[in-house]
Amino acid sequence: MAIRSLLLPLALLVLAASSAAVAQLEIGFYSKTCPDAEKIVGQEMAKIIAAAPSLAGPLLRLHFHDCFVRGCDASVLLESTDGNVAEKDAKPNKSLRGFGSVERVKAKLEAACPGIISCADVLTLMSRDAVVLAKGPFWPVALGRRDGRMSSATEASNELPPASGDVPLLAKIFASKGLDLKDLVVLSGAHTLGTAHCPSFADRLYNTTGENGAYGHVDQSLDSEYADKLRVKCKSVDDRAMLSEMDPGSFKTFDTSYYRQVAKRRGLFRSDAALLFDNTTMDYVQRMATGKFDGEFFKDFSASMIKMGDVGVLTGAEGEIRKKCYAPN
């Protein structure tokens, strides 16, 4: 009991510190120091997505992968150095794209307001605008994040939700970031945008254990017709040349069609398929798959993105405002 009584105040102190950091994020944080910040990001993003619509998914993914490691501190953008392998070079992050677009937007902001806007805020705004430009919802972004100075490939490998994860594992990882089961199924809806390389899902086509422990069987949770189509594209587990749409036919548009794919056992990753094996996540998938609740999904996604954007943020005198997003000052 004595140990427990000591731990409780400690837990409350940690929670209070976390809440205090989030409280320092504000809508209009740069209204005096750089009033056109969001406008500049929006204008540049419109040009980027007009030229390359398929970048909406990768830019949203960059924000996800940033927030799940060290919080939303732009540590995913840092380059490796001689003495350190950074997050972006971790195996789960090898396929990340959009770094050049982030530098492009940051350069525009630096030209207008030198040393004012953090890369963490830039990434958060860009992910929101990527969704909006893909015909998804708009949500207000509270700003004031600061940039971290550290980045670790080992941490990224250990902390990012794996594409092969089941709901209990994913729920545990999400809970460690203050996100719940609804956030898990809602944020999985981000897979309506973007593509994936074969190695991230090809084990479902070739390496699943069948009867008598033999390999080579297709994952039974994957629709067989869809699996046949994927095998035509992905010749082996190591095929890195081909890309598959995560939401076939709608991978550049933010909508609820992802849930229709999952409901038909056509989710690309094991983590997508796993949503049908938990009552809570399955109910949400099936509800959204009807196509009658797009507005509800947009509202839910906005709320979960706001929540995720608050994870582990640095504020006040913590961290720094990087001049270049790929290196500490």
C-alpha atoms as a PDB file:
ATOM      1  CA  MET A   1       0.000   0.000   0.000  1.00  0.00           C
ATOM      2  CA  ALA A   2       2.825   2.400   0.863  1.00  0.00           C
ATOM      3  CA  ILE A   3       4.441   1.921  -2.550  1.00  0.00           C
ATOM      4  CA  ARG A   4       1.093   2.385  -4.266  1.00  0.00           C
ATOM      5  CA  SER A   5       0.439   5.597  -2.346  1.00  0.00           C
ATOM      6  CA  LEU A   6       3.801   6.922  -3.511  1.00  0.00           C
ATOM      7  CA  LEU A   7       3.198   5.921  -7.128  1.00  0.00           C
ATOM      8  CA  LEU A   8      -0.206   7.599  -7.363  1.00  0.00           C
ATOM      9  CA  PRO A   9       1.034  11.163  -6.736  1.00  0.00           C
ATOM     10  CA  LEU A  10       3.899  10.483  -9.181  1.00  0.00           C
ATOM     11  CA  ALA A  11       1.450   9.361 -11.852  1.00  0.00           C
ATOM     12  CA  LEU A  12      -0.655  12.456 -11.229  1.00  0.00           C
ATOM     13  CA  LEU A  13       2.429  14.670 -11.535  1.00  0.00           C
ATOM     14  CA  VAL A  14       3.327  13.087 -14.900  1.00  0.00           C
ATOM     15  CA  LEU A  15      -0.249  13.554 -16.109  1.00  0.00           C
ATOM     16  CA  ALA A  16      -0.297  17.161 -14.912  1.00  0.00           C
ATOM     17  CA  ALA A  17       2.998  17.890 -16.681  1.00  0.00           C
ATOM     18  CA  SER A  18       1.665  16.358 -19.881  1.00  0.00           C
ATOM     19  CA  SER A  19      -1.596  18.325 -19.621  1.00  0.00           C
ATOM     20  CA  ALA A  20       0.343  21.525 -18.968  1.00  0.00           C
ATOM     21  CA  ALA A  21       2.371  21.035 -22.141  1.00  0.00           C
ATOM     22  CA  VAL A  22      -0.765  20.455 -24.205  1.00  0.00           C
ATOM     23  CA  ALA A  23      -2.414  23.481 -22.577  1.00  0.00           C
ATOM     24  CA  GLN A  24       0.406  25.633 -23.946  1.00  0.00           C
ATOM     25  CA  LEU A  25      -0.621  24.746 -27.502  1.00  0.00           C
ATOM     26  CA  GLU A  26      -2.962  27.431 -28.799  1.00  0.00           C
ATOM     27  CA  ILE A  27      -5.155  28.101 -31.800  1.00  0.00           C
ATOM     28  CA  GLY A  28      -3.565  31.169 -33.405  1.00  0.00           C
ATOM     29  CA  PHE A  29      -0.281  30.712 -31.511  1.00  0.00           C
ATOM     30  CA  TYR A  30       1.603  32.600 -34.255  1.00  0.00           C
ATOM     31  CA  SER A  31      -1.047  35.302 -34.758  1.00  0.00           C
ATOM     32  CA  LYS A  32       1.395  38.059 -33.729  1.00  0.00           C
ATOM     33  CA  THR A  33       4.789  36.570 -34.643  1.00  0.00           C
ATOM     34  CA  CYS A  34       3.811  35.121 -38.047  1.00  0.00           C
ATOM     35  CA  PRO A  35       0.138  35.845 -38.811  1.00  0.00           C
ATOM     36  CA  ASP A  36       0.233  34.331 -42.300  1.00  0.00           C
ATOM     37  CA  ALA A  37       1.810  31.027 -41.208  1.00  0.00           C
ATOM     38  CA  GLU A  38      -1.202  28.783 -41.900  1.00  0.00           C
ATOM     39  CA  LYS A  39      -1.943  30.628 -45.132  1.00  0.00           C
ATOM     40  CA  ILE A  40       1.631  30.079 -46.357  1.00  0.00           C
ATOM     41  CA  VAL A  41       1.471  26.366 -45.501  1.00  0.00           C
ATOM     42  CA  GLY A  42      -1.922  26.041 -47.181  1.00  0.00           C
ATOM     43  CA  GLN A  43      -0.838  27.771 -50.380  1.00  0.00           C
ATOM     44  CA  GLU A  44       2.327  25.699 -50.692  1.00  0.00           C
ATOM     45  CA  MET A  45       0.483  22.483 -49.911  1.00  0.00           C
ATOM     46  CA  ALA A  46      -2.069  23.257 -52.630  1.00  0.00           C
ATOM     47  CA  LYS A  47       0.785  23.474 -55.146  1.00  0.00           C
ATOM     48  CA  ILE A  48       2.436  20.285 -53.853  1.00  0.00           C
ATOM     49  CA  ILE A  49      -0.732  18.163 -53.967  1.00  0.00           C
ATOM     50  CA  ALA A  50      -1.813  19.627 -57.326  1.00  0.00           C
ATOM     51  CA  ALA A  51       1.515  18.506 -58.789  1.00  0.00           C
ATOM     52  CA  ALA A  52       1.594  15.150 -56.938  1.00  0.00           C
ATOM     53  CA  PRO A  53      -1.814  14.079 -55.549  1.00  0.00           C
ATOM     54  CA  SER A  54      -0.346  10.784 -54.357  1.00  0.00           C
ATOM     55  CA  LEU A  55       1.738  12.673 -51.755  1.00  0.00           C
ATOM     56  CA  ALA A  56      -1.270  13.302 -49.495  1.00  0.00           C
ATOM     57  CA  GLY A  57      -0.990   9.848 -47.933  1.00  0.00           C
ATOM     58  CA  PRO A  58       2.775   9.941 -47.341  1.00  0.00           C
ATOM     59  CA  LEU A  59       2.603  13.395 -45.735  1.00  0.00           C
ATOM     60  CA  LEU A  60      -0.145  12.211 -43.384  1.00  0.00           C
ATOM     61  CA  ARG A  61       1.944   9.112 -42.601  1.00  0.00           C
ATOM     62  CA  LEU A  62       4.979  11.273 -41.758  1.00  0.00           C
ATOM     63  CA  HIS A  63       2.981  12.972 -39.007  1.00  0.00           C
ATOM     64  CA  PHE A  64       1.782   9.602 -37.635  1.00  0.00           C
ATOM     65  CA  HIS A  65       5.298   8.182 -37.559  1.00  0.00           C
ATOM     66  CA  ASP A  66       6.604  11.337 -35.908  1.00  0.00           C
ATOM     67  CA  CYS A  67       4.044  11.416 -33.093  1.00  0.00           C
ATOM     68  CA  PHE A  68       4.423   7.747 -32.138  1.00  0.00           C
ATOM     69  CA  VAL A  69       8.147   8.166 -31.391  1.00  0.00           C
ATOM     70  CA  ARG A  70       9.173  10.832 -28.840  1.00  0.00           C
ATOM     71  CA  GLY A  71       5.858  12.598 -29.449  1.00  0.00           C
ATOM     72  CA  CYS A  72       5.094  15.178 -32.145  1.00  0.00           C
ATOM     73  CA  ASP A  73       8.534  16.821 -32.120  1.00  0.00           C
ATOM     74  CA  ALA A  74       9.632  16.455 -35.787  1.00  0.00           C
ATOM     75  CA  SER A  75      12.291  13.918 -34.747  1.00  0.00           C
ATOM     76  CA  VAL A  76      11.294  11.773 -37.749  1.00  0.00           C
ATOM     77  CA  LEU A  77      12.687  14.482 -40.041  1.00  0.00           C
ATOM     78  CA  LEU A  78      16.230  14.455 -38.624  1.00  0.00           C
ATOM     79  CA  GLU A  79      19.020  12.916 -40.704  1.00  0.00           C
ATOM     80  CA  SER A  80      21.340  10.254 -39.326  1.00  0.00           C
ATOM     81  CA  THR A  81      24.844  11.340 -38.339  1.00  0.00           C
ATOM     82  CA  ASP A  82      28.143   9.479 -37.967  1.00  0.00           C
ATOM     83  CA  GLY A  83      27.344   8.805 -34.328  1.00  0.00           C
ATOM     84  CA  ASN A  84      23.609   8.193 -34.542  1.00  0.00           C
ATOM     85  CA  VAL A  85      21.119   6.313 -36.723  1.00  0.00           C
ATOM     86  CA  ALA A  86      17.961   8.444 -36.845  1.00  0.00           C
ATOM     87  CA  GLU A  87      14.305   7.406 -36.928  1.00  0.00           C
ATOM     88  CA  LYS A  88      13.977   7.914 -40.675  1.00  0.00           C
ATOM     89  CA  ASP A  89      16.533   5.127 -41.238  1.00  0.00           C
ATOM     90  CA  ALA A  90      14.706   2.584 -39.062  1.00  0.00           C
ATOM     91  CA  LYS A  91      13.275  -0.343 -41.012  1.00  0.00           C
ATOM     92  CA  PRO A  92       9.601   0.710 -40.529  1.00  0.00           C
ATOM     93  CA  ASN A  93      10.457   4.188 -41.861  1.00  0.00           C
ATOM     94  CA  LYS A  94      12.473   3.210 -44.927  1.00  0.00           C
ATOM     95  CA  SER A  95       9.432   3.776 -47.166  1.00  0.00           C
ATOM     96  CA  LEU A  96       8.522   7.213 -45.775  1.00  0.00           C
ATOM     97  CA  ARG A  97       8.221   9.954 -48.392  1.00  0.00           C
ATOM     98  CA  GLY A  98       7.573  13.681 -48.453  1.00  0.00           C
ATOM     99  CA  PHE A  99      10.691  14.980 -46.664  1.00  0.00           C
ATOM    100  CA  GLY A 100      11.471  17.327 -49.548  1.00  0.00           C
ATOM    101  CA  SER A 101       7.964  18.794 -49.389  1.00  0.00           C
ATOM    102  CA  VAL A 102       8.391  19.540 -45.681  1.00  0.00           C
ATOM    103  CA  GLU A 103      11.681  21.344 -46.365  1.00  0.00           C
ATOM    104  CA  ARG A 104       9.998  23.285 -49.165  1.00  0.00           C
ATOM    105  CA  VAL A 105       7.197  24.516 -46.886  1.00  0.00           C
ATOM    106  CA  LYS A 106       9.636  25.250 -44.042  1.00  0.00           C
ATOM    107  CA  ALA A 107      11.815  27.337 -46.412  1.00  0.00           C
ATOM    108  CA  LYS A 108       8.778  29.462 -47.345  1.00  0.00           C
ATOM    109  CA  LEU A 109       8.026  30.049 -43.670  1.00  0.00           C
ATOM    110  CA  GLU A 110      11.651  30.872 -42.867  1.00  0.00           C
ATOM    111  CA  ALA A 111      11.654  33.456 -45.666  1.00  0.00           C
ATOM    112  CA  ALA A 112       8.546  35.105 -44.206  1.00  0.00           C
ATOM    113  CA  CYS A 113       9.211  34.644 -40.472  1.00  0.00           C
ATOM    114  CA  PRO A 114      12.781  33.484 -39.693  1.00  0.00           C
ATOM    115  CA  GLY A 115      13.163  31.207 -36.682  1.00  0.00           C
ATOM    116  CA  ILE A 116       9.526  31.365 -35.639  1.00  0.00           C
ATOM    117  CA  ILE A 117       7.646  28.261 -36.851  1.00  0.00           C
ATOM    118  CA  SER A 118       8.751  24.841 -35.614  1.00  0.00           C
ATOM    119  CA  CYS A 119       9.114  21.868 -37.944  1.00  0.00           C
ATOM    120  CA  ALA A 120       6.774  19.966 -35.605  1.00  0.00           C
ATOM    121  CA  ASP A 121       4.038  22.534 -36.254  1.00  0.00           C
ATOM    122  CA  VAL A 122       4.819  22.540 -39.985  1.00  0.00           C
ATOM    123  CA  LEU A 123       4.354  18.758 -40.127  1.00  0.00           C
ATOM    124  CA  THR A 124       1.113  18.922 -38.132  1.00  0.00           C
ATOM    125  CA  LEU A 125      -0.343  21.603 -40.420  1.00  0.00           C
ATOM    126  CA  MET A 126       0.803  19.837 -43.589  1.00  0.00           C
ATOM    127  CA  SER A 127      -0.862  16.584 -42.527  1.00  0.00           C
ATOM    128  CA  ARG A 128      -4.153  18.426 -41.888  1.00  0.00           C
ATOM    129  CA  ASP A 129      -3.955  20.224 -45.237  1.00  0.00           C
ATOM    130  CA  ALA A 130      -3.086  16.957 -47.023  1.00  0.00           C
ATOM    131  CA  VAL A 131      -6.371  15.488 -45.755  1.00  0.00           C
ATOM    132  CA  VAL A 132      -8.356  18.601 -46.701  1.00  0.00           C
ATOM    133  CA  LEU A 133      -6.863  18.653 -50.217  1.00  0.00           C
ATOM    134  CA  ALA A 134      -7.770  14.966 -50.592  1.00  0.00           C
ATOM    135  CA  LYS A 135     -11.433  15.974 -49.961  1.00  0.00           C
ATOM    136  CA  GLY A 136     -11.336  15.106 -46.275  1.00  0.00           C
ATOM    137  CA  PRO A 137     -12.292  17.135 -43.186  1.00  0.00           C
ATOM    138  CA  PHE A 138     -10.747  20.340 -41.861  1.00  0.00           C
ATOM    139  CA  TRP A 139      -9.930  20.651 -38.176  1.00  0.00           C
ATOM    140  CA  PRO A 140      -8.373  23.501 -36.174  1.00  0.00           C
ATOM    141  CA  VAL A 141      -4.718  22.873 -35.262  1.00  0.00           C
ATOM    142  CA  ALA A 142      -3.451  24.221 -31.948  1.00  0.00           C
ATOM    143  CA  LEU A 143       0.162  25.334 -32.412  1.00  0.00           C
ATOM    144  CA  GLY A 144       3.221  26.037 -30.301  1.00  0.00           C
ATOM    145  CA  ARG A 145       5.118  22.734 -30.580  1.00  0.00           C
ATOM    146  CA  ARG A 146       8.896  22.861 -30.338  1.00  0.00           C
ATOM    147  CA  ASP A 147      11.368  20.625 -32.173  1.00  0.00           C
ATOM    148  CA  GLY A 148      13.282  17.819 -30.512  1.00  0.00           C
ATOM    149  CA  ARG A 149      17.037  17.438 -30.891  1.00  0.00           C
ATOM    150  CA  MET A 150      17.229  13.634 -30.651  1.00  0.00           C
ATOM    151  CA  SER A 151      16.182  10.887 -33.055  1.00  0.00           C
ATOM    152  CA  SER A 152      16.695   7.143 -32.633  1.00  0.00           C
ATOM    153  CA  ALA A 153      16.149   4.349 -35.165  1.00  0.00           C
ATOM    154  CA  THR A 154      15.982   1.856 -32.296  1.00  0.00           C
ATOM    155  CA  GLU A 155      13.126   3.767 -30.659  1.00  0.00           C
ATOM    156  CA  ALA A 156      11.269   3.924 -33.980  1.00  0.00           C
ATOM    157  CA  SER A 157      11.649   0.167 -34.501  1.00  0.00           C
ATOM    158  CA  ASN A 158      10.344  -0.531 -30.998  1.00  0.00           C
ATOM    159  CA  GLU A 159       7.527   2.000 -30.721  1.00  0.00           C
ATOM    160  CA  LEU A 160       5.804   2.278 -34.100  1.00  0.00           C
ATOM    161  CA  PRO A 161       2.602   0.227 -34.521  1.00  0.00           C
ATOM    162  CA  PRO A 162       3.526  -2.688 -36.826  1.00  0.00           C
ATOM    163  CA  ALA A 163       1.531  -3.406 -39.992  1.00  0.00           C
ATOM    164  CA  SER A 164       1.415  -7.024 -38.815  1.00  0.00           C
ATOM    165  CA  GLY A 165      -0.059  -6.211 -35.392  1.00  0.00           C
ATOM    166  CA  ASP A 166      -3.302  -7.572 -33.964  1.00  0.00           C
ATOM    167  CA  VAL A 167      -5.747  -5.405 -31.999  1.00  0.00           C
ATOM    168  CA  PRO A 168      -4.444  -6.273 -28.480  1.00  0.00           C
ATOM    169  CA  LEU A 169      -0.880  -5.303 -29.481  1.00  0.00           C
ATOM    170  CA  LEU A 170      -1.949  -2.174 -31.361  1.00  0.00           C
ATOM    171  CA  ALA A 171      -4.281  -1.131 -28.541  1.00  0.00           C
ATOM    172  CA  LYS A 172      -1.389  -1.425 -26.063  1.00  0.00           C
ATOM    173  CA  ILE A 173       0.850   0.766 -28.246  1.00  0.00           C
ATOM    174  CA  PHE A 174      -1.912   3.330 -28.760  1.00  0.00           C
ATOM    175  CA  ALA A 175      -2.701   3.367 -25.025  1.00  0.00           C
ATOM    176  CA  SER A 176       0.961   4.162 -24.293  1.00  0.00           C
ATOM    177  CA  LYS A 177       0.403   7.365 -26.294  1.00  0.00           C
ATOM    178  CA  GLY A 178      -2.862   8.223 -24.569  1.00  0.00           C
ATOM    179  CA  LEU A 179      -4.974   6.972 -27.480  1.00  0.00           C
ATOM    180  CA  ASP A 180      -7.834   4.496 -27.069  1.00  0.00           C
ATOM    181  CA  LEU A 181      -9.470   1.729 -29.095  1.00  0.00           C
ATOM    182  CA  LYS A 182     -11.731   4.149 -30.943  1.00  0.00           C
ATOM    183  CA  ASP A 183      -8.710   6.247 -31.932  1.00  0.00           C
ATOM    184  CA  LEU A 184      -7.128   3.039 -33.250  1.00  0.00           C
ATOM    185  CA  VAL A 185     -10.006   2.128 -35.566  1.00  0.00           C
ATOM    186  CA  VAL A 186     -10.597   5.755 -36.589  1.00  0.00           C
ATOM    187  CA  LEU A 187      -6.948   6.549 -37.346  1.00  0.00           C
ATOM    188  CA  SER A 188      -6.657   3.266 -39.270  1.00  0.00           C
ATOM    189  CA  GLY A 189      -9.002   5.035 -41.682  1.00  0.00           C
ATOM    190  CA  ALA A 190      -5.975   7.080 -42.800  1.00  0.00           C
ATOM    191  CA  HIS A 191      -5.217   4.020 -44.954  1.00  0.00           C
ATOM    192  CA  THR A 192      -7.819   5.390 -47.341  1.00  0.00           C
ATOM    193  CA  LEU A 193      -4.879   7.431 -48.685  1.00  0.00           C
ATOM    194  CA  GLY A 194      -1.631   6.179 -50.153  1.00  0.00           C
ATOM    195  CA  THR A 195       0.181   3.079 -51.328  1.00  0.00           C
ATOM    196  CA  ALA A 196       2.387   0.390 -49.794  1.00  0.00           C
ATOM    197  CA  HIS A 197       5.397  -1.616 -50.960  1.00  0.00           C
ATOM    198  CA  CYS A 198       5.062  -5.380 -51.233  1.00  0.00           C
ATOM    199  CA  PRO A 199       7.330  -6.313 -48.285  1.00  0.00           C
ATOM    200  CA  SER A 200       4.878  -4.691 -45.840  1.00  0.00           C
ATOM    201  CA  PHE A 201       2.097  -7.138 -46.697  1.00  0.00           C
ATOM    202  CA  ALA A 202       3.497  -9.889 -48.988  1.00  0.00           C
ATOM    203  CA  ASP A 203       3.952 -12.281 -46.060  1.00  0.00           C
ATOM    204  CA  ARG A 204       0.147 -12.588 -46.175  1.00  0.00           C
ATOM    205  CA  LEU A 205       0.466 -13.911 -49.734  1.00  0.00           C
ATOM    206  CA  TYR A 206       3.440 -16.238 -49.452  1.00  0.00           C
ATOM    207  CA  ASN A 207       4.651 -16.858 -45.928  1.00  0.00           C
ATOM    208  CA  THR A 208       1.513 -17.745 -44.005  1.00  0.00           C
ATOM    209  CA  THR A 209       1.666 -21.112 -42.287  1.00  0.00           C
ATOM    210  CA  GLY A 210      -0.898 -23.597 -43.612  1.00  0.00           C
ATOM    211  CA  GLU A 211      -1.776 -27.165 -42.654  1.00  0.00           C
ATOM    212  CA  ASN A 212       1.019 -29.298 -41.165  1.00  0.00           C
ATOM    213  CA  GLY A 213       3.068 -26.118 -40.600  1.00  0.00           C
ATOM    214  CA  ALA A 214       3.828 -25.710 -44.318  1.00  0.00           C
ATOM    215  CA  TYR A 215       4.572 -22.235 -45.664  1.00  0.00           C
ATOM    216  CA  GLY A 216       3.303 -20.724 -48.877  1.00  0.00           C
ATOM    217  CA  HIS A 217      -0.367 -20.414 -48.036  1.00  0.00           C
ATOM    218  CA  VAL A 218      -2.405 -17.225 -48.377  1.00  0.00           C
ATOM    219  CA  ASP A 219      -3.573 -15.638 -45.122  1.00  0.00           C
ATOM    220  CA  GLN A 220      -7.127 -16.941 -44.648  1.00  0.00           C
ATOM    221  CA  SER A 221      -8.274 -13.553 -43.340  1.00  0.00           C
ATOM    222  CA  LEU A 222      -7.590 -12.124 -46.833  1.00  0.00           C
ATOM    223  CA  ASP A 223     -10.236 -12.392 -49.571  1.00  0.00           C
ATOM    224  CA  SER A 224      -8.928 -15.006 -52.032  1.00  0.00           C
ATOM    225  CA  GLU A 225      -9.837 -13.041 -55.167  1.00  0.00           C
ATOM    226  CA  TYR A 226      -8.090  -9.953 -53.822  1.00  0.00           C
ATOM    227  CA  ALA A 227      -5.096 -12.086 -52.818  1.00  0.00           C
ATOM    228  CA  ASP A 228      -4.832 -13.383 -56.403  1.00  0.00           C
ATOM    229  CA  LYS A 229      -4.719  -9.812 -57.718  1.00  0.00           C
ATOM    230  CA  LEU A 230      -2.031  -8.862 -55.201  1.00  0.00           C
ATOM    231  CA  ARG A 231       0.104 -11.872 -56.128  1.00  0.00           C
ATOM    232  CA  VAL A 232       0.102 -10.699 -59.761  1.00  0.00           C
ATOM    233  CA  LYS A 233       1.628  -7.411 -58.595  1.00  0.00           C
ATOM    234  CA  CYS A 234       3.886  -8.739 -55.837  1.00  0.00           C
ATOM    235  CA  LYS A 235       5.971 -11.626 -57.118  1.00  0.00           C
ATOM    236  CA  SER A 236       7.649 -12.380 -53.788  1.00  0.00           C
ATOM    237  CA  VAL A 237       8.068 -11.257 -50.200  1.00  0.00           C
ATOM    238  CA  ASP A 238      11.160  -9.292 -51.242  1.00  0.00           C
ATOM    239  CA  ASP A 239       9.614  -7.545 -54.267  1.00  0.00           C
ATOM    240  CA  ARG A 240      10.345  -3.866 -53.570  1.00  0.00           C
ATOM    241  CA  ALA A 241       9.559  -2.555 -57.037  1.00  0.00           C
ATOM    242  CA  MET A 242       5.777  -2.606 -57.002  1.00  0.00           C
ATOM    243  CA  LEU A 243       3.318  -0.466 -55.057  1.00  0.00           C
ATOM    244  CA  SER A 244      -0.248  -1.421 -54.177  1.00  0.00           C
ATOM    245  CA  GLU A 245      -3.028   1.019 -53.332  1.00  0.00           C
ATOM    246  CA  MET A 246      -4.150   0.713 -49.712  1.00  0.00           C
ATOM    247  CA  ASP A 247      -7.690   1.673 -50.750  1.00  0.00           C
ATOM    248  CA  PRO A 248      -7.986   0.400 -54.349  1.00  0.00           C
ATOM    249  CA  GLY A 249      -9.674   2.871 -56.685  1.00  0.00           C
ATOM    250  CA  SER A 250      -9.802   5.624 -54.084  1.00  0.00           C
ATOM    251  CA  PHE A 251      -6.242   5.977 -52.772  1.00  0.00           C
ATOM    252  CA  LYS A 252      -6.024   9.710 -53.558  1.00  0.00           C
ATOM    253  CA  THR A 253      -9.392  10.568 -51.979  1.00  0.00           C
ATOM    254  CA  PHE A 254     -10.118  10.731 -48.267  1.00  0.00           C
ATOM    255  CA  ASP A 255     -13.377   8.828 -47.694  1.00  0.00           C
ATOM    256  CA  THR A 256     -14.897   5.789 -45.973  1.00  0.00           C
ATOM    257  CA  SER A 257     -14.185   3.326 -48.787  1.00  0.00           C
ATOM    258  CA  TYR A 258     -11.267   1.933 -46.741  1.00  0.00           C
ATOM    259  CA  TYR A 259     -13.806   0.495 -44.312  1.00  0.00           C
ATOM    260  CA  ARG A 260     -15.741  -1.121 -47.170  1.00  0.00           C
ATOM    261  CA  GLN A 261     -12.521  -2.820 -48.263  1.00  0.00           C
ATOM    262  CA  VAL A 262     -11.799  -4.039 -44.726  1.00  0.00           C
ATOM    263  CA  ALA A 263     -15.363  -5.308 -44.298  1.00  0.00           C
ATOM    264  CA  LYS A 264     -14.924  -7.384 -47.484  1.00  0.00           C
ATOM    265  CA  ARG A 265     -11.648  -8.838 -46.093  1.00  0.00           C
ATOM    266  CA  ARG A 266      -9.656  -6.700 -48.503  1.00  0.00           C
ATOM    267  CA  GLY A 267      -7.645  -4.705 -45.979  1.00  0.00           C
ATOM    268  CA  LEU A 268      -4.051  -4.705 -47.213  1.00  0.00           C
ATOM    269  CA  PHE A 269      -2.225  -5.173 -43.895  1.00  0.00           C
ATOM    270  CA  ARG A 270      -2.717  -7.709 -41.128  1.00  0.00           C
ATOM    271  CA  SER A 271      -3.458  -4.716 -38.879  1.00  0.00           C
ATOM    272  CA  ASP A 272      -6.359  -3.796 -41.182  1.00  0.00           C
ATOM    273  CA  ALA A 273      -7.721  -7.349 -41.184  1.00  0.00           C
ATOM    274  CA  ALA A 274      -7.362  -7.498 -37.387  1.00  0.00           C
ATOM    275  CA  LEU A 275     -10.052  -4.820 -36.997  1.00  0.00           C
ATOM    276  CA  LEU A 276     -12.636  -7.526 -37.805  1.00  0.00           C
ATOM    277  CA  PHE A 277     -11.494  -9.708 -34.902  1.00  0.00           C
ATOM    278  CA  ASP A 278     -12.412  -7.308 -32.093  1.00  0.00           C
ATOM    279  CA  ASN A 279     -16.056  -6.498 -31.391  1.00  0.00           C
ATOM    280  CA  THR A 280     -15.510  -2.777 -30.826  1.00  0.00           C
ATOM    281  CA  THR A 281     -13.394  -2.161 -33.919  1.00  0.00           C
ATOM    282  CA  MET A 282     -15.505  -4.534 -36.039  1.00  0.00           C
ATOM    283  CA  ASP A 283     -18.693  -2.640 -35.167  1.00  0.00           C
ATOM    284  CA  TYR A 284     -17.096   0.644 -36.253  1.00  0.00           C
ATOM    285  CA  VAL A 285     -15.763  -0.846 -39.501  1.00  0.00           C
ATOM    286  CA  GLN A 286     -19.160  -2.291 -40.408  1.00  0.00           C
ATOM    287  CA  ARG A 287     -20.974   0.938 -39.542  1.00  0.00           C
ATOM    288  CA  MET A 288     -18.665   3.057 -41.715  1.00  0.00           C
ATOM    289  CA  ALA A 289     -18.723   0.443 -44.495  1.00  0.00           C
ATOM    290  CA  THR A 290     -22.401   1.244 -45.112  1.00  0.00           C
ATOM    291  CA  GLY A 291     -21.361   4.617 -46.573  1.00  0.00           C
ATOM    292  CA  LYS A 292     -24.092   6.334 -44.556  1.00  0.00           C
ATOM    293  CA  PHE A 293     -21.896   7.873 -41.894  1.00  0.00           C
ATOM    294  CA  ASP A 294     -19.178   9.752 -43.753  1.00  0.00           C
ATOM    295  CA  GLY A 295     -19.857  12.892 -41.725  1.00  0.00           C
ATOM    296  CA  GLU A 296     -19.491  10.961 -38.493  1.00  0.00           C
ATOM    297  CA  PHE A 297     -16.154   9.484 -39.647  1.00  0.00           C
ATOM    298  CA  PHE A 298     -14.884  12.928 -40.662  1.00  0.00           C
ATOM    299  CA  LYS A 299     -15.785  14.270 -37.208  1.00  0.00           C
ATOM    300  CA  ASP A 300     -14.212  11.264 -35.463  1.00  0.00           C
ATOM    301  CA  PHE A 301     -11.050  11.461 -37.551  1.00  0.00           C
ATOM    302  CA  SER A 302     -10.657  15.175 -36.816  1.00  0.00           C
ATOM    303  CA  ALA A 303     -11.007  14.530 -33.070  1.00  0.00           C
ATOM    304  CA  SER A 304      -8.496  11.669 -33.105  1.00  0.00           C
ATOM    305  CA  MET A 305      -5.995  13.689 -35.145  1.00  0.00           C
ATOM    306  CA  ILE A 306      -6.231  16.575 -32.672  1.00  0.00           C
ATOM    307  CA  LYS A 307      -5.653  14.088 -29.862  1.00  0.00           C
ATOM    308  CA  MET A 308      -2.685  12.468 -31.622  1.00  0.00           C
ATOM    309  CA  GLY A 309      -1.181  15.868 -32.448  1.00  0.00           C
ATOM    310  CA  ASP A 310      -0.953  16.552 -28.691  1.00  0.00           C
ATOM    311  CA  VAL A 311       1.117  13.439 -27.917  1.00  0.00           C
ATOM    312  CA  GLY A 312       4.395  14.168 -26.137  1.00  0.00           C
ATOM    313  CA  VAL A 313       4.693  17.729 -27.405  1.00  0.00           C
ATOM    314  CA  LEU A 314       7.554  20.008 -26.398  1.00  0.00           C
ATOM    315  CA  THR A 315       6.494  23.564 -25.544  1.00  0.00           C
ATOM    316  CA  GLY A 316       7.767  26.739 -23.922  1.00  0.00           C
ATOM    317  CA  ALA A 317      11.543  26.624 -23.458  1.00  0.00           C
ATOM    318  CA  GLU A 318      11.810  22.909 -24.345  1.00  0.00           C
ATOM    319  CA  GLY A 319      13.543  21.816 -27.540  1.00  0.00           C
ATOM    320  CA  GLU A 320      14.208  24.420 -30.223  1.00  0.00           C
ATOM    321  CA  ILE A 321      12.915  25.948 -33.454  1.00  0.00           C
ATOM    322  CA  ARG A 322      14.974  24.267 -36.164  1.00  0.00           C
ATOM    323  CA  LYS A 323      16.069  26.392 -39.121  1.00  0.00           C
ATOM    324  CA  LYS A 324      16.332  23.258 -41.278  1.00  0.00           C
ATOM    325  CA  CYS A 325      14.044  20.369 -40.440  1.00  0.00           C
ATOM    326  CA  TYR A 326      16.658  17.716 -41.224  1.00  0.00           C
ATOM    327  CA  ALA A 327      19.243  18.886 -38.639  1.00  0.00           C
ATOM    328  CA  PRO A 328      19.371  20.438 -35.179  1.00  0.00           C
ATOM    329  CA  ASN A 329      20.533  24.049 -35.062  1.00  0.00           C
END
